[in-house]
Amino acid sequence: MVNLLVLVIVLVGSFIGAFGTLMIKKSTSHYPFLKLFKSSFLWLGFFFYGLSTLFYIFALRKEELSIVYPLVSTTYIWTTLFSVKYLKEEMDLWKWIGLSGIIVGVIFVGLGS
């Protein structure tokens, strides 16, 4: 079974990483490419990406890569939910089916370890 502490660390790290993705997307939507590096959203996104990497490194020290890395895919779930809520992106049936597949896959990895 997956170490509960590692599970929490990876889920928090994936949440932070998804928030970083949201910030980077906001920066690319509001600034032209040449002014992009002056965007506080971009640097905030980089910061959260880096922070999530530190969470993953800690988790990898405690658990096997074959268990931790599939759990990192929960970032896709958070990113999708953030994009729907904050960017007003639309979900269709196929996107929901794909998201459900990720959730089922993460559950299988958790049960299989």
PDB file of N, CA and C in Angstrom:
ATOM      1  N   MET A   1       0.837  -1.178   0.000  1.00  0.00           N
ATOM      2  CA  MET A   1       0.000   0.000   0.000  1.00  0.00           C
ATOM      3  C   MET A   1       0.887   1.248   0.000  1.00  0.00           C
ATOM      4  N   VAL A   2       0.390   2.302  -0.597  1.00  0.00           N
ATOM      5  CA  VAL A   2       1.134   3.549  -0.693  1.00  0.00           C
ATOM      6  C   VAL A   2       1.242   4.194   0.689  1.00  0.00           C
ATOM      7  N   ASN A   3       2.433   4.660   1.018  1.00  0.00           N
ATOM      8  CA  ASN A   3       2.671   5.390   2.254  1.00  0.00           C
ATOM      9  C   ASN A   3       1.754   6.620   2.251  1.00  0.00           C
ATOM     10  N   LEU A   4       0.955   6.788   3.300  1.00  0.00           N
ATOM     11  CA  LEU A   4      -0.028   7.872   3.367  1.00  0.00           C
ATOM     12  C   LEU A   4       0.637   9.245   3.300  1.00  0.00           C
ATOM     13  N   LEU A   5       1.776   9.402   3.956  1.00  0.00           N
ATOM     14  CA  LEU A   5       2.498  10.669   3.913  1.00  0.00           C
ATOM     15  C   LEU A   5       2.924  11.002   2.485  1.00  0.00           C
ATOM     16  N   VAL A   6       3.423  10.007   1.763  1.00  0.00           N
ATOM     17  CA  VAL A   6       3.834  10.213   0.365  1.00  0.00           C
ATOM     18  C   VAL A   6       2.630  10.592  -0.484  1.00  0.00           C
ATOM     19  N   LEU A   7       1.512   9.933  -0.277  1.00  0.00           N
ATOM     20  CA  LEU A   7       0.295  10.251  -1.024  1.00  0.00           C
ATOM     21  C   LEU A   7      -0.104  11.708  -0.805  1.00  0.00           C
ATOM     22  N   VAL A   8      -0.104  12.156   0.426  1.00  0.00           N
ATOM     23  CA  VAL A   8      -0.470  13.541   0.734  1.00  0.00           C
ATOM     24  C   VAL A   8       0.537  14.509   0.104  1.00  0.00           C
ATOM     25  N   ILE A   9       1.822  14.199   0.209  1.00  0.00           N
ATOM     26  CA  ILE A   9       2.861  15.067  -0.349  1.00  0.00           C
ATOM     27  C   ILE A   9       2.705  15.192  -1.867  1.00  0.00           C
ATOM     28  N   VAL A  10       2.465  14.086  -2.532  1.00  0.00           N
ATOM     29  CA  VAL A  10       2.303  14.120  -3.991  1.00  0.00           C
ATOM     30  C   VAL A  10       1.037  14.876  -4.381  1.00  0.00           C
ATOM     31  N   LEU A  11      -0.057  14.661  -3.659  1.00  0.00           N
ATOM     32  CA  LEU A  11      -1.301  15.378  -3.976  1.00  0.00           C
ATOM     33  C   LEU A  11      -1.149  16.885  -3.765  1.00  0.00           C
ATOM     34  N   VAL A  12      -0.495  17.279  -2.695  1.00  0.00           N
ATOM     35  CA  VAL A  12      -0.259  18.709  -2.454  1.00  0.00           C
ATOM     36  C   VAL A  12       0.672  19.261  -3.531  1.00  0.00           C
ATOM     37  N   GLY A  13       1.727  18.508  -3.851  1.00  0.00           N
ATOM     38  CA  GLY A  13       2.646  18.940  -4.906  1.00  0.00           C
ATOM     39  C   GLY A  13       1.963  19.064  -6.257  1.00  0.00           C
ATOM     40  N   SER A  14       1.071  18.136  -6.570  1.00  0.00           N
ATOM     41  CA  SER A  14       0.367  18.213  -7.849  1.00  0.00           C
ATOM     42  C   SER A  14      -0.595  19.393  -7.880  1.00  0.00           C
ATOM     43  N   PHE A  15      -1.213  19.691  -6.752  1.00  0.00           N
ATOM     44  CA  PHE A  15      -2.105  20.852  -6.646  1.00  0.00           C
ATOM     45  C   PHE A  15      -1.311  22.139  -6.871  1.00  0.00           C
ATOM     46  N   ILE A  16      -0.154  22.244  -6.228  1.00  0.00           N
ATOM     47  CA  ILE A  16       0.704  23.420  -6.387  1.00  0.00           C
ATOM     48  C   ILE A  16       1.197  23.541  -7.831  1.00  0.00           C
ATOM     49  N   GLY A  17       1.584  22.418  -8.419  1.00  0.00           N
ATOM     50  CA  GLY A  17       2.043  22.432  -9.813  1.00  0.00           C
ATOM     51  C   GLY A  17       0.942  22.859 -10.779  1.00  0.00           C
ATOM     52  N   ALA A  18      -0.283  22.409 -10.519  1.00  0.00           N
ATOM     53  CA  ALA A  18      -1.408  22.812 -11.364  1.00  0.00           C
ATOM     54  C   ALA A  18      -1.686  24.300 -11.228  1.00  0.00           C
ATOM     55  N   PHE A  19      -1.528  24.827 -10.015  1.00  0.00           N
ATOM     56  CA  PHE A  19      -1.694  26.262  -9.810  1.00  0.00           C
ATOM     57  C   PHE A  19      -0.613  27.026 -10.577  1.00  0.00           C
ATOM     58  N   GLY A  20       0.603  26.488 -10.600  1.00  0.00           N
ATOM     59  CA  GLY A  20       1.675  27.093 -11.383  1.00  0.00           C
ATOM     60  C   GLY A  20       1.332  27.122 -12.864  1.00  0.00           C
ATOM     61  N   THR A  21       0.754  26.041 -13.368  1.00  0.00           N
ATOM     62  CA  THR A  21       0.328  25.998 -14.762  1.00  0.00           C
ATOM     63  C   THR A  21      -0.719  27.066 -15.044  1.00  0.00           C
ATOM     64  N   LEU A  22      -1.651  27.239 -14.133  1.00  0.00           N
ATOM     65  CA  LEU A  22      -2.680  28.264 -14.279  1.00  0.00           C
ATOM     66  C   LEU A  22      -2.049  29.653 -14.361  1.00  0.00           C
ATOM     67  N   MET A  23      -1.073  29.923 -13.513  1.00  0.00           N
ATOM     68  CA  MET A  23      -0.411  31.231 -13.514  1.00  0.00           C
ATOM     69  C   MET A  23       0.341  31.466 -14.833  1.00  0.00           C
ATOM     70  N   ILE A  24       1.009  30.432 -15.328  1.00  0.00           N
ATOM     71  CA  ILE A  24       1.729  30.564 -16.600  1.00  0.00           C
ATOM     72  C   ILE A  24       0.741  30.821 -17.733  1.00  0.00           C
ATOM     73  N   LYS A  25      -0.376  30.123 -17.730  1.00  0.00           N
ATOM     74  CA  LYS A  25      -1.404  30.341 -18.759  1.00  0.00           C
ATOM     75  C   LYS A  25      -1.933  31.770 -18.695  1.00  0.00           C
ATOM     76  N   LYS A  26      -2.184  32.268 -17.490  1.00  0.00           N
ATOM     77  CA  LYS A  26      -2.666  33.642 -17.347  1.00  0.00           C
ATOM     78  C   LYS A  26      -1.650  34.636 -17.906  1.00  0.00           C
ATOM     79  N   SER A  27      -0.374  34.364 -17.704  1.00  0.00           N
ATOM     80  CA  SER A  27       0.647  35.286 -18.215  1.00  0.00           C
ATOM     81  C   SER A  27       0.691  35.266 -19.735  1.00  0.00           C
ATOM     82  N   THR A  28       0.536  34.096 -20.330  1.00  0.00           N
ATOM     83  CA  THR A  28       0.590  34.021 -21.797  1.00  0.00           C
ATOM     84  C   THR A  28      -0.655  34.614 -22.433  1.00  0.00           C
ATOM     85  N   SER A  29      -1.731  34.708 -21.673  1.00  0.00           N
ATOM     86  CA  SER A  29      -2.968  35.279 -22.203  1.00  0.00           C
ATOM     87  C   SER A  29      -2.988  36.798 -22.134  1.00  0.00           C
ATOM     88  N   HIS A  30      -2.189  37.372 -21.238  1.00  0.00           N
ATOM     89  CA  HIS A  30      -2.265  38.808 -20.998  1.00  0.00           C
ATOM     90  C   HIS A  30      -1.085  39.606 -21.548  1.00  0.00           C
ATOM     91  N   TYR A  31      -0.012  38.940 -21.924  1.00  0.00           N
ATOM     92  CA  TYR A  31       1.190  39.659 -22.336  1.00  0.00           C
ATOM     93  C   TYR A  31       1.688  39.143 -23.687  1.00  0.00           C
ATOM     94  N   PRO A  32       2.175  40.053 -24.529  1.00  0.00           N
ATOM     95  CA  PRO A  32       2.811  39.586 -25.770  1.00  0.00           C
ATOM     96  C   PRO A  32       4.121  38.874 -25.428  1.00  0.00           C
ATOM     97  N   PHE A  33       4.584  38.053 -26.339  1.00  0.00           N
ATOM     98  CA  PHE A  33       5.736  37.189 -26.067  1.00  0.00           C
ATOM     99  C   PHE A  33       6.958  37.960 -25.587  1.00  0.00           C
ATOM    100  N   LEU A  34       7.280  39.065 -26.209  1.00  0.00           N
ATOM    101  CA  LEU A  34       8.492  39.802 -25.847  1.00  0.00           C
ATOM    102  C   LEU A  34       8.410  40.443 -24.465  1.00  0.00           C
ATOM    103  N   LYS A  35       7.199  40.655 -23.941  1.00  0.00           N
ATOM    104  CA  LYS A  35       7.037  41.238 -22.606  1.00  0.00           C
ATOM    105  C   LYS A  35       6.667  40.182 -21.563  1.00  0.00           C
ATOM    106  N   LEU A  36       6.635  38.943 -21.992  1.00  0.00           N
ATOM    107  CA  LEU A  36       6.191  37.850 -21.134  1.00  0.00           C
ATOM    108  C   LEU A  36       7.037  37.732 -19.864  1.00  0.00           C
ATOM    109  N   PHE A  37       8.336  37.931 -19.997  1.00  0.00           N
ATOM    110  CA  PHE A  37       9.221  37.733 -18.840  1.00  0.00           C
ATOM    111  C   PHE A  37       9.131  38.859 -17.815  1.00  0.00           C
ATOM    112  N   LYS A  38       8.349  39.881 -18.116  1.00  0.00           N
ATOM    113  CA  LYS A  38       8.075  40.933 -17.138  1.00  0.00           C
ATOM    114  C   LYS A  38       6.788  40.639 -16.356  1.00  0.00           C
ATOM    115  N   SER A  39       6.119  39.556 -16.710  1.00  0.00           N
ATOM    116  CA  SER A  39       4.850  39.201 -16.091  1.00  0.00           C
ATOM    117  C   SER A  39       5.061  38.557 -14.720  1.00  0.00           C
ATOM    118  N   SER A  40       4.404  39.100 -13.713  1.00  0.00           N
ATOM    119  CA  SER A  40       4.487  38.491 -12.385  1.00  0.00           C
ATOM    120  C   SER A  40       3.791  37.128 -12.370  1.00  0.00           C
ATOM    121  N   PHE A  41       2.770  36.952 -13.219  1.00  0.00           N
ATOM    122  CA  PHE A  41       2.095  35.651 -13.315  1.00  0.00           C
ATOM    123  C   PHE A  41       3.074  34.570 -13.766  1.00  0.00           C
ATOM    124  N   LEU A  42       3.924  34.892 -14.738  1.00  0.00           N
ATOM    125  CA  LEU A  42       4.888  33.915 -15.245  1.00  0.00           C
ATOM    126  C   LEU A  42       5.853  33.500 -14.141  1.00  0.00           C
ATOM    127  N   TRP A  43       6.412  34.456 -13.418  1.00  0.00           N
ATOM    128  CA  TRP A  43       7.380  34.146 -12.368  1.00  0.00           C
ATOM    129  C   TRP A  43       6.716  33.433 -11.199  1.00  0.00           C
ATOM    130  N   LEU A  44       5.475  33.787 -10.914  1.00  0.00           N
ATOM    131  CA  LEU A  44       4.739  33.077  -9.883  1.00  0.00           C
ATOM    132  C   LEU A  44       4.501  31.627 -10.311  1.00  0.00           C
ATOM    133  N   GLY A  45       4.160  31.434 -11.573  1.00  0.00           N
ATOM    134  CA  GLY A  45       3.983  30.086 -12.108  1.00  0.00           C
ATOM    135  C   GLY A  45       5.267  29.273 -12.014  1.00  0.00           C
ATOM    136  N   PHE A  46       6.402  29.877 -12.379  1.00  0.00           N
ATOM    137  CA  PHE A  46       7.695  29.191 -12.259  1.00  0.00           C
ATOM    138  C   PHE A  46       7.983  28.824 -10.803  1.00  0.00           C
ATOM    139  N   PHE A  47       7.674  29.749  -9.888  1.00  0.00           N
ATOM    140  CA  PHE A  47       7.901  29.494  -8.475  1.00  0.00           C
ATOM    141  C   PHE A  47       7.094  28.276  -8.006  1.00  0.00           C
ATOM    142  N   PHE A  48       5.818  28.233  -8.366  1.00  0.00           N
ATOM    143  CA  PHE A  48       4.981  27.109  -7.932  1.00  0.00           C
ATOM    144  C   PHE A  48       5.402  25.801  -8.601  1.00  0.00           C
ATOM    145  N   TYR A  49       5.851  25.866  -9.853  1.00  0.00           N
ATOM    146  CA  TYR A  49       6.391  24.668 -10.508  1.00  0.00           C
ATOM    147  C   TYR A  49       7.595  24.141  -9.730  1.00  0.00           C
ATOM    148  N   GLY A  50       8.501  25.052  -9.384  1.00  0.00           N
ATOM    149  CA  GLY A  50       9.685  24.650  -8.629  1.00  0.00           C
ATOM    150  C   GLY A  50       9.333  24.089  -7.269  1.00  0.00           C
ATOM    151  N   LEU A  51       8.379  24.711  -6.599  1.00  0.00           N
ATOM    152  CA  LEU A  51       7.936  24.235  -5.293  1.00  0.00           C
ATOM    153  C   LEU A  51       7.340  22.832  -5.399  1.00  0.00           C
ATOM    154  N   SER A  52       6.553  22.603  -6.432  1.00  0.00           N
ATOM    155  CA  SER A  52       5.963  21.266  -6.595  1.00  0.00           C
ATOM    156  C   SER A  52       7.055  20.230  -6.854  1.00  0.00           C
ATOM    157  N   THR A  53       8.101  20.621  -7.543  1.00  0.00           N
ATOM    158  CA  THR A  53       9.220  19.710  -7.788  1.00  0.00           C
ATOM    159  C   THR A  53       9.881  19.306  -6.472  1.00  0.00           C
ATOM    160  N   LEU A  54      10.000  20.237  -5.546  1.00  0.00           N
ATOM    161  CA  LEU A  54      10.568  19.904  -4.236  1.00  0.00           C
ATOM    162  C   LEU A  54       9.696  18.883  -3.500  1.00  0.00           C
ATOM    163  N   PHE A  55       8.386  19.019  -3.619  1.00  0.00           N
ATOM    164  CA  PHE A  55       7.479  18.038  -3.026  1.00  0.00           C
ATOM    165  C   PHE A  55       7.704  16.659  -3.643  1.00  0.00           C
ATOM    166  N   TYR A  56       7.858  16.615  -4.977  1.00  0.00           N
ATOM    167  CA  TYR A  56       8.069  15.335  -5.658  1.00  0.00           C
ATOM    168  C   TYR A  56       9.396  14.709  -5.255  1.00  0.00           C
ATOM    169  N   ILE A  57      10.431  15.531  -5.117  1.00  0.00           N
ATOM    170  CA  ILE A  57      11.732  15.006  -4.708  1.00  0.00           C
ATOM    171  C   ILE A  57      11.624  14.356  -3.333  1.00  0.00           C
ATOM    172  N   PHE A  58      10.944  15.019  -2.419  1.00  0.00           N
ATOM    173  CA  PHE A  58      10.768  14.451  -1.088  1.00  0.00           C
ATOM    174  C   PHE A  58      10.007  13.123  -1.165  1.00  0.00           C
ATOM    175  N   ALA A  59       8.945  13.093  -1.966  1.00  0.00           N
ATOM    176  CA  ALA A  59       8.155  11.859  -2.106  1.00  0.00           C
ATOM    177  C   ALA A  59       8.990  10.730  -2.707  1.00  0.00           C
ATOM    178  N   LEU A  60       9.848  11.071  -3.670  1.00  0.00           N
ATOM    179  CA  LEU A  60      10.681  10.050  -4.314  1.00  0.00           C
ATOM    180  C   LEU A  60      11.715   9.471  -3.348  1.00  0.00           C
ATOM    181  N   ARG A  61      12.091  10.240  -2.359  1.00  0.00           N
ATOM    182  CA  ARG A  61      13.038   9.733  -1.353  1.00  0.00           C
ATOM    183  C   ARG A  61      12.370   8.684  -0.465  1.00  0.00           C
ATOM    184  N   LYS A  62      11.047   8.736  -0.365  1.00  0.00           N
ATOM    185  CA  LYS A  62      10.313   7.856   0.552  1.00  0.00           C
ATOM    186  C   LYS A  62       9.630   6.670  -0.130  1.00  0.00           C
ATOM    187  N   GLU A  63       9.443   6.753  -1.454  1.00  0.00           N
ATOM    188  CA  GLU A  63       8.656   5.727  -2.146  1.00  0.00           C
ATOM    189  C   GLU A  63       9.255   5.456  -3.519  1.00  0.00           C
ATOM    190  N   GLU A  64       8.855   4.357  -4.127  1.00  0.00           N
ATOM    191  CA  GLU A  64       9.362   3.957  -5.437  1.00  0.00           C
ATOM    192  C   GLU A  64       8.831   4.877  -6.540  1.00  0.00           C
ATOM    193  N   LEU A  65       9.653   5.080  -7.561  1.00  0.00           N
ATOM    194  CA  LEU A  65       9.278   5.915  -8.700  1.00  0.00           C
ATOM    195  C   LEU A  65       8.039   5.370  -9.401  1.00  0.00           C
ATOM    196  N   SER A  66       7.937   4.045  -9.518  1.00  0.00           N
ATOM    197  CA  SER A  66       6.800   3.437 -10.214  1.00  0.00           C
ATOM    198  C   SER A  66       5.481   3.676  -9.480  1.00  0.00           C
ATOM    199  N   ILE A  67       5.546   4.094  -8.241  1.00  0.00           N
ATOM    200  CA  ILE A  67       4.340   4.423  -7.482  1.00  0.00           C
ATOM    201  C   ILE A  67       4.103   5.928  -7.486  1.00  0.00           C
ATOM    202  N   VAL A  68       5.163   6.699  -7.259  1.00  0.00           N
ATOM    203  CA  VAL A  68       5.022   8.157  -7.147  1.00  0.00           C
ATOM    204  C   VAL A  68       4.641   8.788  -8.475  1.00  0.00           C
ATOM    205  N   TYR A  69       5.315   8.401  -9.551  1.00  0.00           N
ATOM    206  CA  TYR A  69       5.102   9.118 -10.809  1.00  0.00           C
ATOM    207  C   TYR A  69       3.673   9.010 -11.340  1.00  0.00           C
ATOM    208  N   PRO A  70       3.029   7.849 -11.300  1.00  0.00           N
ATOM    209  CA  PRO A  70       1.619   7.823 -11.721  1.00  0.00           C
ATOM    210  C   PRO A  70       0.720   8.716 -10.856  1.00  0.00           C
ATOM    211  N   LEU A  71       1.062   8.869  -9.592  1.00  0.00           N
ATOM    212  CA  LEU A  71       0.270   9.746  -8.723  1.00  0.00           C
ATOM    213  C   LEU A  71       0.429  11.211  -9.120  1.00  0.00           C
ATOM    214  N   VAL A  72       1.561  11.536  -9.728  1.00  0.00           N
ATOM    215  CA  VAL A  72       1.795  12.900 -10.201  1.00  0.00           C
ATOM    216  C   VAL A  72       0.776  13.272 -11.277  1.00  0.00           C
ATOM    217  N   SER A  73       0.216  12.275 -11.947  1.00  0.00           N
ATOM    218  CA  SER A  73      -0.778  12.561 -12.987  1.00  0.00           C
ATOM    219  C   SER A  73      -2.041  13.214 -12.430  1.00  0.00           C
ATOM    220  N   THR A  74      -2.180  13.255 -11.113  1.00  0.00           N
ATOM    221  CA  THR A  74      -3.306  13.992 -10.540  1.00  0.00           C
ATOM    222  C   THR A  74      -3.200  15.487 -10.870  1.00  0.00           C
ATOM    223  N   THR A  75      -2.015  15.924 -11.276  1.00  0.00           N
ATOM    224  CA  THR A  75      -1.852  17.310 -11.728  1.00  0.00           C
ATOM    225  C   THR A  75      -2.803  17.610 -12.882  1.00  0.00           C
ATOM    226  N   TYR A  76      -3.024  16.633 -13.765  1.00  0.00           N
ATOM    227  CA  TYR A  76      -3.942  16.830 -14.890  1.00  0.00           C
ATOM    228  C   TYR A  76      -5.363  17.084 -14.390  1.00  0.00           C
ATOM    229  N   ILE A  77      -5.726  16.414 -13.319  1.00  0.00           N
ATOM    230  CA  ILE A  77      -7.071  16.596 -12.762  1.00  0.00           C
ATOM    231  C   ILE A  77      -7.220  18.021 -12.230  1.00  0.00           C
ATOM    232  N   TRP A  78      -6.269  18.445 -11.393  1.00  0.00           N
ATOM    233  CA  TRP A  78      -6.322  19.798 -10.833  1.00  0.00           C
ATOM    234  C   TRP A  78      -6.275  20.851 -11.930  1.00  0.00           C
ATOM    235  N   THR A  79      -5.401  20.659 -12.903  1.00  0.00           N
ATOM    236  CA  THR A  79      -5.268  21.636 -13.985  1.00  0.00           C
ATOM    237  C   THR A  79      -6.574  21.772 -14.747  1.00  0.00           C
ATOM    238  N   THR A  80      -7.218  20.656 -15.030  1.00  0.00           N
ATOM    239  CA  THR A  80      -8.491  20.692 -15.739  1.00  0.00           C
ATOM    240  C   THR A  80      -9.553  21.426 -14.919  1.00  0.00           C
ATOM    241  N   LEU A  81      -9.629  21.116 -13.643  1.00  0.00           N
ATOM    242  CA  LEU A  81     -10.623  21.770 -12.793  1.00  0.00           C
ATOM    243  C   LEU A  81     -10.343  23.269 -12.662  1.00  0.00           C
ATOM    244  N   PHE A  82      -9.069  23.645 -12.528  1.00  0.00           N
ATOM    245  CA  PHE A  82      -8.706  25.067 -12.480  1.00  0.00           C
ATOM    246  C   PHE A  82      -9.073  25.775 -13.774  1.00  0.00           C
ATOM    247  N   SER A  83      -8.815  25.118 -14.912  1.00  0.00           N
ATOM    248  CA  SER A  83      -9.098  25.767 -16.195  1.00  0.00           C
ATOM    249  C   SER A  83     -10.592  25.970 -16.409  1.00  0.00           C
ATOM    250  N   VAL A  84     -11.402  25.059 -15.922  1.00  0.00           N
ATOM    251  CA  VAL A  84     -12.851  25.214 -16.024  1.00  0.00           C
ATOM    252  C   VAL A  84     -13.328  26.343 -15.105  1.00  0.00           C
ATOM    253  N   LYS A  85     -12.827  26.353 -13.875  1.00  0.00           N
ATOM    254  CA  LYS A  85     -13.302  27.334 -12.897  1.00  0.00           C
ATOM    255  C   LYS A  85     -12.761  28.745 -13.168  1.00  0.00           C
ATOM    256  N   TYR A  86     -11.462  28.866 -13.409  1.00  0.00           N
ATOM    257  CA  TYR A  86     -10.855  30.196 -13.464  1.00  0.00           C
ATOM    258  C   TYR A  86     -10.646  30.739 -14.877  1.00  0.00           C
ATOM    259  N   LEU A  87     -10.534  29.846 -15.858  1.00  0.00           N
ATOM    260  CA  LEU A  87     -10.333  30.301 -17.233  1.00  0.00           C
ATOM    261  C   LEU A  87     -11.598  30.157 -18.070  1.00  0.00           C
ATOM    262  N   LYS A  88     -12.644  29.626 -17.460  1.00  0.00           N
ATOM    263  CA  LYS A  88     -13.943  29.440 -18.117  1.00  0.00           C
ATOM    264  C   LYS A  88     -13.849  28.544 -19.361  1.00  0.00           C
ATOM    265  N   GLU A  89     -12.924  27.581 -19.308  1.00  0.00           N
ATOM    266  CA  GLU A  89     -12.826  26.626 -20.409  1.00  0.00           C
ATOM    267  C   GLU A  89     -13.962  25.618 -20.284  1.00  0.00           C
ATOM    268  N   GLU A  90     -14.391  25.083 -21.404  1.00  0.00           N
ATOM    269  CA  GLU A  90     -15.532  24.172 -21.403  1.00  0.00           C
ATOM    270  C   GLU A  90     -15.085  22.721 -21.479  1.00  0.00           C
ATOM    271  N   MET A  91     -15.846  21.877 -20.818  1.00  0.00           N
ATOM    272  CA  MET A  91     -15.599  20.437 -20.824  1.00  0.00           C
ATOM    273  C   MET A  91     -16.688  19.763 -21.642  1.00  0.00           C
ATOM    274  N   ASP A  92     -16.277  18.824 -22.476  1.00  0.00           N
ATOM    275  CA  ASP A  92     -17.261  18.020 -23.186  1.00  0.00           C
ATOM    276  C   ASP A  92     -17.194  16.589 -22.639  1.00  0.00           C
ATOM    277  N   LEU A  93     -18.014  15.723 -23.180  1.00  0.00           N
ATOM    278  CA  LEU A  93     -18.099  14.356 -22.676  1.00  0.00           C
ATOM    279  C   LEU A  93     -16.756  13.648 -22.745  1.00  0.00           C
ATOM    280  N   TRP A  94     -16.019  13.802 -23.840  1.00  0.00           N
ATOM    281  CA  TRP A  94     -14.747  13.102 -24.013  1.00  0.00           C
ATOM    282  C   TRP A  94     -13.702  13.565 -23.000  1.00  0.00           C
ATOM    283  N   LYS A  95     -13.722  14.840 -22.662  1.00  0.00           N
ATOM    284  CA  LYS A  95     -12.779  15.339 -21.654  1.00  0.00           C
ATOM    285  C   LYS A  95     -13.110  14.753 -20.285  1.00  0.00           C
ATOM    286  N   TRP A  96     -14.407  14.669 -19.965  1.00  0.00           N
ATOM    287  CA  TRP A  96     -14.798  14.072 -18.688  1.00  0.00           C
ATOM    288  C   TRP A  96     -14.439  12.593 -18.635  1.00  0.00           C
ATOM    289  N   ILE A  97     -14.608  11.900 -19.751  1.00  0.00           N
ATOM    290  CA  ILE A  97     -14.241  10.479 -19.808  1.00  0.00           C
ATOM    291  C   ILE A  97     -12.727  10.329 -19.607  1.00  0.00           C
ATOM    292  N   GLY A  98     -11.938  11.184 -20.259  1.00  0.00           N
ATOM    293  CA  GLY A  98     -10.494  11.133 -20.099  1.00  0.00           C
ATOM    294  C   GLY A  98     -10.065  11.418 -18.667  1.00  0.00           C
ATOM    295  N   LEU A  99     -10.681  12.413 -18.067  1.00  0.00           N
ATOM    296  CA  LEU A  99     -10.377  12.751 -16.675  1.00  0.00           C
ATOM    297  C   LEU A  99     -10.740  11.596 -15.745  1.00  0.00           C
ATOM    298  N   SER A 100     -11.862  10.957 -16.024  1.00  0.00           N
ATOM    299  CA  SER A 100     -12.277   9.798 -15.229  1.00  0.00           C
ATOM    300  C   SER A 100     -11.276   8.656 -15.377  1.00  0.00           C
ATOM    301  N   GLY A 101     -10.740   8.500 -16.577  1.00  0.00           N
ATOM    302  CA  GLY A 101      -9.719   7.468 -16.800  1.00  0.00           C
ATOM    303  C   GLY A 101      -8.469   7.711 -15.975  1.00  0.00           C
ATOM    304  N   ILE A 102      -8.079   8.961 -15.850  1.00  0.00           N
ATOM    305  CA  ILE A 102      -6.913   9.294 -15.024  1.00  0.00           C
ATOM    306  C   ILE A 102      -7.190   8.944 -13.568  1.00  0.00           C
ATOM    307  N   ILE A 103      -8.377   9.292 -13.102  1.00  0.00           N
ATOM    308  CA  ILE A 103      -8.745   9.001 -11.709  1.00  0.00           C
ATOM    309  C   ILE A 103      -8.739   7.494 -11.454  1.00  0.00           C
ATOM    310  N   VAL A 104      -9.312   6.732 -12.366  1.00  0.00           N
ATOM    311  CA  VAL A 104      -9.338   5.272 -12.212  1.00  0.00           C
ATOM    312  C   VAL A 104      -7.911   4.716 -12.234  1.00  0.00           C
ATOM    313  N   GLY A 105      -7.072   5.244 -13.124  1.00  0.00           N
ATOM    314  CA  GLY A 105      -5.682   4.786 -13.193  1.00  0.00           C
ATOM    315  C   GLY A 105      -4.920   5.052 -11.908  1.00  0.00           C
ATOM    316  N   VAL A 106      -5.113   6.222 -11.330  1.00  0.00           N
ATOM    317  CA  VAL A 106      -4.444   6.555 -10.065  1.00  0.00           C
ATOM    318  C   VAL A 106      -4.916   5.608  -8.953  1.00  0.00           C
ATOM    319  N   ILE A 107      -6.204   5.313  -8.942  1.00  0.00           N
ATOM    320  CA  ILE A 107      -6.738   4.381  -7.940  1.00  0.00           C
ATOM    321  C   ILE A 107      -6.117   2.992  -8.110  1.00  0.00           C
ATOM    322  N   PHE A 108      -6.004   2.527  -9.359  1.00  0.00           N
ATOM    323  CA  PHE A 108      -5.396   1.215  -9.612  1.00  0.00           C
ATOM    324  C   PHE A 108      -3.938   1.173  -9.160  1.00  0.00           C
ATOM    325  N   VAL A 109      -3.208   2.254  -9.414  1.00  0.00           N
ATOM    326  CA  VAL A 109      -1.808   2.296  -8.965  1.00  0.00           C
ATOM    327  C   VAL A 109      -1.754   2.233  -7.445  1.00  0.00           C
ATOM    328  N   GLY A 110      -2.643   2.963  -6.778  1.00  0.00           N
ATOM    329  CA  GLY A 110      -2.682   2.946  -5.318  1.00  0.00           C
ATOM    330  C   GLY A 110      -3.030   1.573  -4.770  1.00  0.00           C
ATOM    331  N   LEU A 111      -3.977   0.911  -5.410  1.00  0.00           N
ATOM    332  CA  LEU A 111      -4.376  -0.417  -4.930  1.00  0.00           C
ATOM    333  C   LEU A 111      -3.333  -1.466  -5.242  1.00  0.00           C
ATOM    334  N   GLY A 112      -2.634  -1.287  -6.344  1.00  0.00           N
ATOM    335  CA  GLY A 112      -1.669  -2.300  -6.780  1.00  0.00           C
ATOM    336  C   GLY A 112      -0.339  -2.214  -6.069  1.00  0.00           C
ATOM    337  N   SER A 113      -0.142  -1.188  -5.273  1.00  0.00           N
ATOM    338  CA  SER A 113       1.183  -1.052  -4.646  1.00  0.00           C
ATOM    339  C   SER A 113       1.204  -1.610  -3.242  1.00  0.00           C
TER     340      SER A 113
END
